[in-house]
Amino acid sequence: MKVLPSSLLLSIVATFDSIIGDFLKDLITRDPASIDFGDKSFSYRELFKTKEIETLKNNIIDDEVNRLLRDSHKEQVRYIEKLSQTEIINHHERWRNFYEVFERRNQYAH
């Protein structure tokens, strides 16, 4: 019974992360030009070994979503705000409570 609360918290956050990952993938797929590649480049080998350009595009989007999921939840929300041109953090009165849940999850997990 002692580990039940922390286990539930870990499970809830993992489920939320999965939903956010799917949402980010959908959001980026709708506007793939929104990805900021920074210094990322592709080799000719990588380009030519991919049989279909759609596969390469999907791999790029998957890499971006995985990168975002490793960021903090605050950075994920900022990314969503930027892509959707919507303010979430400043307009959500319970943002601090929301963010606190994820910080507590990190304490339990690590």
N, C-alpha and C. Protein backbone atom coordinates (compact mmCIF):
# COMPACT_ATOMS: atom_id res chain seq x y z
N MET A 1 0.82 -1.20 0.00
CA MET A 1 0.00 0.00 0.00
C MET A 1 0.86 1.26 0.00
N LYS A 2 2.08 1.16 0.52
CA LYS A 2 2.94 2.35 0.57
C LYS A 2 3.35 2.82 -0.82
N VAL A 3 3.53 1.89 -1.74
CA VAL A 3 4.01 2.27 -3.08
C VAL A 3 2.85 2.59 -4.03
N LEU A 4 1.62 2.33 -3.62
CA LEU A 4 0.48 2.55 -4.51
C LEU A 4 0.35 4.00 -4.98
N PRO A 5 0.41 5.00 -4.10
CA PRO A 5 0.28 6.37 -4.59
C PRO A 5 1.36 6.75 -5.62
N SER A 6 2.60 6.40 -5.36
CA SER A 6 3.65 6.75 -6.31
C SER A 6 3.51 5.95 -7.60
N SER A 7 3.07 4.70 -7.51
CA SER A 7 2.86 3.90 -8.71
C SER A 7 1.74 4.47 -9.57
N LEU A 8 0.68 4.90 -8.93
CA LEU A 8 -0.42 5.52 -9.66
C LEU A 8 0.03 6.80 -10.34
N LEU A 9 0.80 7.60 -9.62
CA LEU A 9 1.30 8.85 -10.20
C LEU A 9 2.18 8.57 -11.41
N LEU A 10 3.07 7.61 -11.29
CA LEU A 10 3.94 7.25 -12.42
C LEU A 10 3.11 6.78 -13.61
N SER A 11 2.10 5.99 -13.35
CA SER A 11 1.24 5.48 -14.42
C SER A 11 0.44 6.59 -15.09
N ILE A 12 -0.11 7.49 -14.32
CA ILE A 12 -0.88 8.61 -14.87
C ILE A 12 0.00 9.49 -15.74
N VAL A 13 1.18 9.82 -15.26
CA VAL A 13 2.08 10.67 -16.04
C VAL A 13 2.56 9.95 -17.30
N ALA A 14 2.84 8.65 -17.21
CA ALA A 14 3.25 7.89 -18.40
C ALA A 14 2.14 7.88 -19.44
N THR A 15 0.90 7.73 -19.00
CA THR A 15 -0.23 7.75 -19.92
C THR A 15 -0.37 9.13 -20.55
N PHE A 16 -0.24 10.17 -19.74
CA PHE A 16 -0.30 11.53 -20.26
C PHE A 16 0.81 11.77 -21.28
N ASP A 17 2.02 11.31 -20.99
CA ASP A 17 3.14 11.47 -21.92
C ASP A 17 2.85 10.78 -23.25
N SER A 18 2.24 9.63 -23.20
CA SER A 18 1.89 8.92 -24.42
C SER A 18 0.88 9.72 -25.25
N ILE A 19 -0.11 10.28 -24.58
CA ILE A 19 -1.11 11.09 -25.27
C ILE A 19 -0.46 12.34 -25.86
N ILE A 20 0.41 12.98 -25.10
CA ILE A 20 1.11 14.18 -25.59
C ILE A 20 1.98 13.82 -26.79
N GLY A 21 2.65 12.68 -26.75
CA GLY A 21 3.46 12.25 -27.88
C GLY A 21 2.63 12.08 -29.14
N ASP A 22 1.47 11.44 -29.01
CA ASP A 22 0.57 11.29 -30.16
C ASP A 22 0.08 12.64 -30.66
N PHE A 23 -0.26 13.53 -29.72
CA PHE A 23 -0.73 14.86 -30.08
C PHE A 23 0.35 15.65 -30.81
N LEU A 24 1.58 15.60 -30.28
CA LEU A 24 2.68 16.32 -30.93
C LEU A 24 2.94 15.78 -32.33
N LYS A 25 2.88 14.47 -32.47
CA LYS A 25 3.09 13.87 -33.79
C LYS A 25 2.03 14.35 -34.77
N ASP A 26 0.79 14.38 -34.33
CA ASP A 26 -0.29 14.86 -35.19
C ASP A 26 -0.11 16.34 -35.53
N LEU A 27 0.25 17.13 -34.54
CA LEU A 27 0.44 18.57 -34.74
C LEU A 27 1.57 18.84 -35.73
N ILE A 28 2.68 18.14 -35.57
CA ILE A 28 3.82 18.33 -36.47
C ILE A 28 3.52 17.78 -37.86
N THR A 29 2.80 16.66 -37.94
CA THR A 29 2.45 16.08 -39.24
C THR A 29 1.59 17.04 -40.05
N ARG A 30 0.76 17.80 -39.36
CA ARG A 30 -0.10 18.77 -40.05
C ARG A 30 0.72 19.94 -40.61
N ASP A 31 1.83 20.26 -39.96
CA ASP A 31 2.68 21.36 -40.41
C ASP A 31 4.15 20.98 -40.23
N PRO A 32 4.66 20.07 -41.06
CA PRO A 32 6.03 19.60 -40.87
C PRO A 32 7.08 20.69 -41.06
N ALA A 33 6.74 21.75 -41.75
CA ALA A 33 7.69 22.85 -41.93
C ALA A 33 7.95 23.58 -40.62
N SER A 34 7.14 23.31 -39.60
CA SER A 34 7.30 23.99 -38.31
C SER A 34 8.48 23.46 -37.51
N ILE A 35 9.03 22.31 -37.90
CA ILE A 35 10.16 21.74 -37.17
C ILE A 35 11.38 22.64 -37.34
N ASP A 36 11.98 22.98 -36.21
CA ASP A 36 13.21 23.76 -36.22
C ASP A 36 14.37 22.78 -36.15
N PHE A 37 15.05 22.61 -37.27
CA PHE A 37 16.11 21.62 -37.34
C PHE A 37 17.40 22.06 -36.67
N GLY A 38 17.56 23.35 -36.45
CA GLY A 38 18.82 23.82 -35.87
C GLY A 38 19.97 23.43 -36.77
N ASP A 39 20.94 22.72 -36.22
CA ASP A 39 22.13 22.32 -36.98
C ASP A 39 22.02 20.91 -37.58
N LYS A 40 20.85 20.30 -37.47
CA LYS A 40 20.71 18.92 -37.95
C LYS A 40 20.83 18.86 -39.47
N SER A 41 21.57 17.87 -39.93
CA SER A 41 21.70 17.64 -41.37
C SER A 41 21.60 16.15 -41.63
N PHE A 42 21.40 15.81 -42.88
CA PHE A 42 21.26 14.42 -43.29
C PHE A 42 22.35 14.07 -44.28
N SER A 43 22.87 12.88 -44.16
CA SER A 43 23.89 12.44 -45.10
C SER A 43 23.21 11.95 -46.38
N TYR A 44 23.96 11.95 -47.46
CA TYR A 44 23.43 11.39 -48.70
C TYR A 44 23.08 9.92 -48.51
N ARG A 45 23.91 9.23 -47.75
CA ARG A 45 23.67 7.80 -47.49
C ARG A 45 22.29 7.60 -46.87
N GLU A 46 22.00 8.39 -45.84
CA GLU A 46 20.71 8.27 -45.16
C GLU A 46 19.57 8.60 -46.12
N LEU A 47 19.76 9.61 -46.93
CA LEU A 47 18.74 10.00 -47.89
C LEU A 47 18.49 8.92 -48.93
N PHE A 48 19.56 8.37 -49.49
CA PHE A 48 19.41 7.41 -50.57
C PHE A 48 19.03 6.00 -50.10
N LYS A 49 19.32 5.68 -48.86
CA LYS A 49 18.95 4.34 -48.40
C LYS A 49 17.47 4.27 -48.03
N THR A 50 16.82 5.42 -47.90
CA THR A 50 15.39 5.45 -47.63
C THR A 50 14.65 5.29 -48.95
N LYS A 51 13.82 4.28 -49.03
CA LYS A 51 13.16 3.94 -50.28
C LYS A 51 12.03 4.92 -50.64
N GLU A 52 11.38 5.47 -49.64
CA GLU A 52 10.29 6.40 -49.90
C GLU A 52 10.52 7.67 -49.09
N ILE A 53 10.23 8.80 -49.70
CA ILE A 53 10.41 10.09 -49.03
C ILE A 53 9.47 10.20 -47.83
N GLU A 54 8.29 9.57 -47.91
CA GLU A 54 7.36 9.61 -46.78
C GLU A 54 7.95 8.92 -45.55
N THR A 55 8.69 7.85 -45.77
CA THR A 55 9.34 7.15 -44.66
C THR A 55 10.36 8.07 -44.00
N LEU A 56 11.13 8.78 -44.81
CA LEU A 56 12.11 9.72 -44.27
C LEU A 56 11.41 10.84 -43.49
N LYS A 57 10.33 11.37 -44.03
CA LYS A 57 9.58 12.42 -43.34
C LYS A 57 9.05 11.90 -42.00
N ASN A 58 8.49 10.70 -42.01
CA ASN A 58 7.97 10.12 -40.76
C ASN A 58 9.08 9.90 -39.73
N ASN A 59 10.24 9.47 -40.20
CA ASN A 59 11.38 9.29 -39.29
C ASN A 59 11.81 10.62 -38.68
N ILE A 60 11.81 11.67 -39.48
CA ILE A 60 12.17 13.00 -38.98
C ILE A 60 11.18 13.46 -37.92
N ILE A 61 9.90 13.27 -38.20
CA ILE A 61 8.86 13.66 -37.24
C ILE A 61 8.97 12.83 -35.96
N ASP A 62 9.19 11.53 -36.10
CA ASP A 62 9.37 10.67 -34.92
C ASP A 62 10.56 11.11 -34.08
N ASP A 63 11.66 11.46 -34.73
CA ASP A 63 12.85 11.95 -34.01
C ASP A 63 12.53 13.23 -33.26
N GLU A 64 11.79 14.13 -33.89
CA GLU A 64 11.43 15.39 -33.24
C GLU A 64 10.52 15.15 -32.04
N VAL A 65 9.54 14.28 -32.18
CA VAL A 65 8.63 13.97 -31.07
C VAL A 65 9.42 13.33 -29.93
N ASN A 66 10.30 12.40 -30.22
CA ASN A 66 11.12 11.76 -29.18
C ASN A 66 12.00 12.78 -28.48
N ARG A 67 12.56 13.72 -29.23
CA ARG A 67 13.37 14.78 -28.62
C ARG A 67 12.52 15.62 -27.67
N LEU A 68 11.32 15.97 -28.12
CA LEU A 68 10.42 16.77 -27.30
C LEU A 68 9.99 16.04 -26.03
N LEU A 69 9.76 14.75 -26.15
CA LEU A 69 9.33 13.99 -24.98
C LEU A 69 10.43 13.85 -23.93
N ARG A 70 11.67 14.06 -24.33
CA ARG A 70 12.77 14.05 -23.35
C ARG A 70 12.92 15.40 -22.68
N ASP A 71 12.33 16.45 -23.27
CA ASP A 71 12.34 17.77 -22.65
C ASP A 71 11.40 17.79 -21.46
N SER A 72 11.46 18.86 -20.70
CA SER A 72 10.54 19.01 -19.57
C SER A 72 9.13 19.25 -20.09
N HIS A 73 8.16 19.02 -19.23
CA HIS A 73 6.78 19.25 -19.64
C HIS A 73 6.54 20.73 -19.93
N LYS A 74 7.26 21.59 -19.24
CA LYS A 74 7.13 23.02 -19.51
C LYS A 74 7.60 23.33 -20.93
N GLU A 75 8.71 22.74 -21.35
CA GLU A 75 9.20 22.96 -22.71
C GLU A 75 8.25 22.36 -23.75
N GLN A 76 7.65 21.22 -23.42
CA GLN A 76 6.68 20.63 -24.34
C GLN A 76 5.49 21.56 -24.54
N VAL A 77 4.99 22.13 -23.45
CA VAL A 77 3.85 23.05 -23.55
C VAL A 77 4.25 24.30 -24.32
N ARG A 78 5.45 24.79 -24.10
CA ARG A 78 5.90 25.96 -24.87
C ARG A 78 5.97 25.65 -26.36
N TYR A 79 6.41 24.46 -26.69
CA TYR A 79 6.47 24.03 -28.09
C TYR A 79 5.06 23.99 -28.68
N ILE A 80 4.12 23.43 -27.93
CA ILE A 80 2.73 23.37 -28.39
C ILE A 80 2.16 24.77 -28.55
N GLU A 81 2.48 25.65 -27.60
CA GLU A 81 2.03 27.04 -27.70
C GLU A 81 2.54 27.69 -28.99
N LYS A 82 3.80 27.45 -29.29
CA LYS A 82 4.40 28.04 -30.49
C LYS A 82 3.75 27.49 -31.76
N LEU A 83 3.58 26.17 -31.83
CA LEU A 83 2.98 25.56 -33.03
C LEU A 83 1.52 25.95 -33.22
N SER A 84 0.79 26.01 -32.12
CA SER A 84 -0.65 26.28 -32.22
C SER A 84 -0.98 27.76 -32.10
N GLN A 85 0.03 28.57 -31.81
CA GLN A 85 -0.15 30.01 -31.62
C GLN A 85 -1.24 30.28 -30.57
N THR A 86 -1.13 29.54 -29.47
CA THR A 86 -2.07 29.64 -28.37
C THR A 86 -1.30 29.75 -27.07
N GLU A 87 -1.75 30.63 -26.18
CA GLU A 87 -1.12 30.71 -24.87
C GLU A 87 -1.81 29.73 -23.93
N ILE A 88 -1.01 28.87 -23.35
CA ILE A 88 -1.55 27.89 -22.41
C ILE A 88 -1.10 28.23 -20.99
N ILE A 89 0.18 28.41 -20.82
CA ILE A 89 0.74 28.62 -19.47
C ILE A 89 0.15 29.86 -18.81
N ASN A 90 0.11 30.98 -19.53
CA ASN A 90 -0.38 32.22 -18.93
C ASN A 90 -1.89 32.27 -18.77
N HIS A 91 -2.62 31.41 -19.46
CA HIS A 91 -4.07 31.43 -19.40
C HIS A 91 -4.67 30.26 -18.64
N HIS A 92 -3.85 29.40 -18.13
CA HIS A 92 -4.35 28.25 -17.37
C HIS A 92 -4.07 28.52 -15.90
N GLU A 93 -5.12 28.82 -15.16
CA GLU A 93 -4.95 29.25 -13.76
C GLU A 93 -4.35 28.17 -12.86
N ARG A 94 -4.46 26.92 -13.26
CA ARG A 94 -3.94 25.84 -12.41
C ARG A 94 -2.64 25.27 -12.98
N TRP A 95 -1.95 26.04 -13.82
CA TRP A 95 -0.71 25.59 -14.45
C TRP A 95 0.29 25.13 -13.39
N ARG A 96 0.45 25.89 -12.33
CA ARG A 96 1.44 25.54 -11.30
C ARG A 96 1.12 24.17 -10.68
N ASN A 97 -0.15 23.91 -10.44
CA ASN A 97 -0.55 22.60 -9.89
C ASN A 97 -0.25 21.50 -10.89
N PHE A 98 -0.58 21.74 -12.15
CA PHE A 98 -0.33 20.79 -13.22
C PHE A 98 1.16 20.46 -13.29
N TYR A 99 1.97 21.49 -13.30
CA TYR A 99 3.41 21.30 -13.41
C TYR A 99 3.98 20.60 -12.18
N GLU A 100 3.41 20.90 -11.02
CA GLU A 100 3.87 20.28 -9.76
C GLU A 100 3.69 18.76 -9.80
N VAL A 101 2.62 18.28 -10.42
CA VAL A 101 2.38 16.84 -10.54
C VAL A 101 3.55 16.18 -11.26
N PHE A 102 4.02 16.81 -12.34
CA PHE A 102 5.11 16.23 -13.12
C PHE A 102 6.45 16.30 -12.38
N GLU A 103 6.63 17.36 -11.62
CA GLU A 103 7.84 17.46 -10.82
C GLU A 103 7.86 16.39 -9.73
N ARG A 104 6.73 16.14 -9.11
CA ARG A 104 6.65 15.09 -8.09
C ARG A 104 6.89 13.72 -8.71
N ARG A 105 6.38 13.52 -9.91
CA ARG A 105 6.61 12.26 -10.62
C ARG A 105 8.11 12.05 -10.80
N ASN A 106 8.81 13.11 -11.16
CA ASN A 106 10.27 13.00 -11.34
C ASN A 106 10.97 12.62 -10.06
N GLN A 107 10.49 13.14 -8.93
CA GLN A 107 11.08 12.78 -7.65
C GLN A 107 10.89 11.30 -7.35
N TYR A 108 9.72 10.78 -7.62
CA TYR A 108 9.45 9.35 -7.38
C TYR A 108 10.25 8.48 -8.33
N ALA A 109 10.33 8.91 -9.57
CA ALA A 109 10.98 8.07 -10.60
C ALA A 109 12.49 8.07 -10.47
N HIS A 110 13.05 9.16 -10.01
CA HIS A 110 14.51 9.27 -9.99
C HIS A 110 15.02 9.36 -8.57
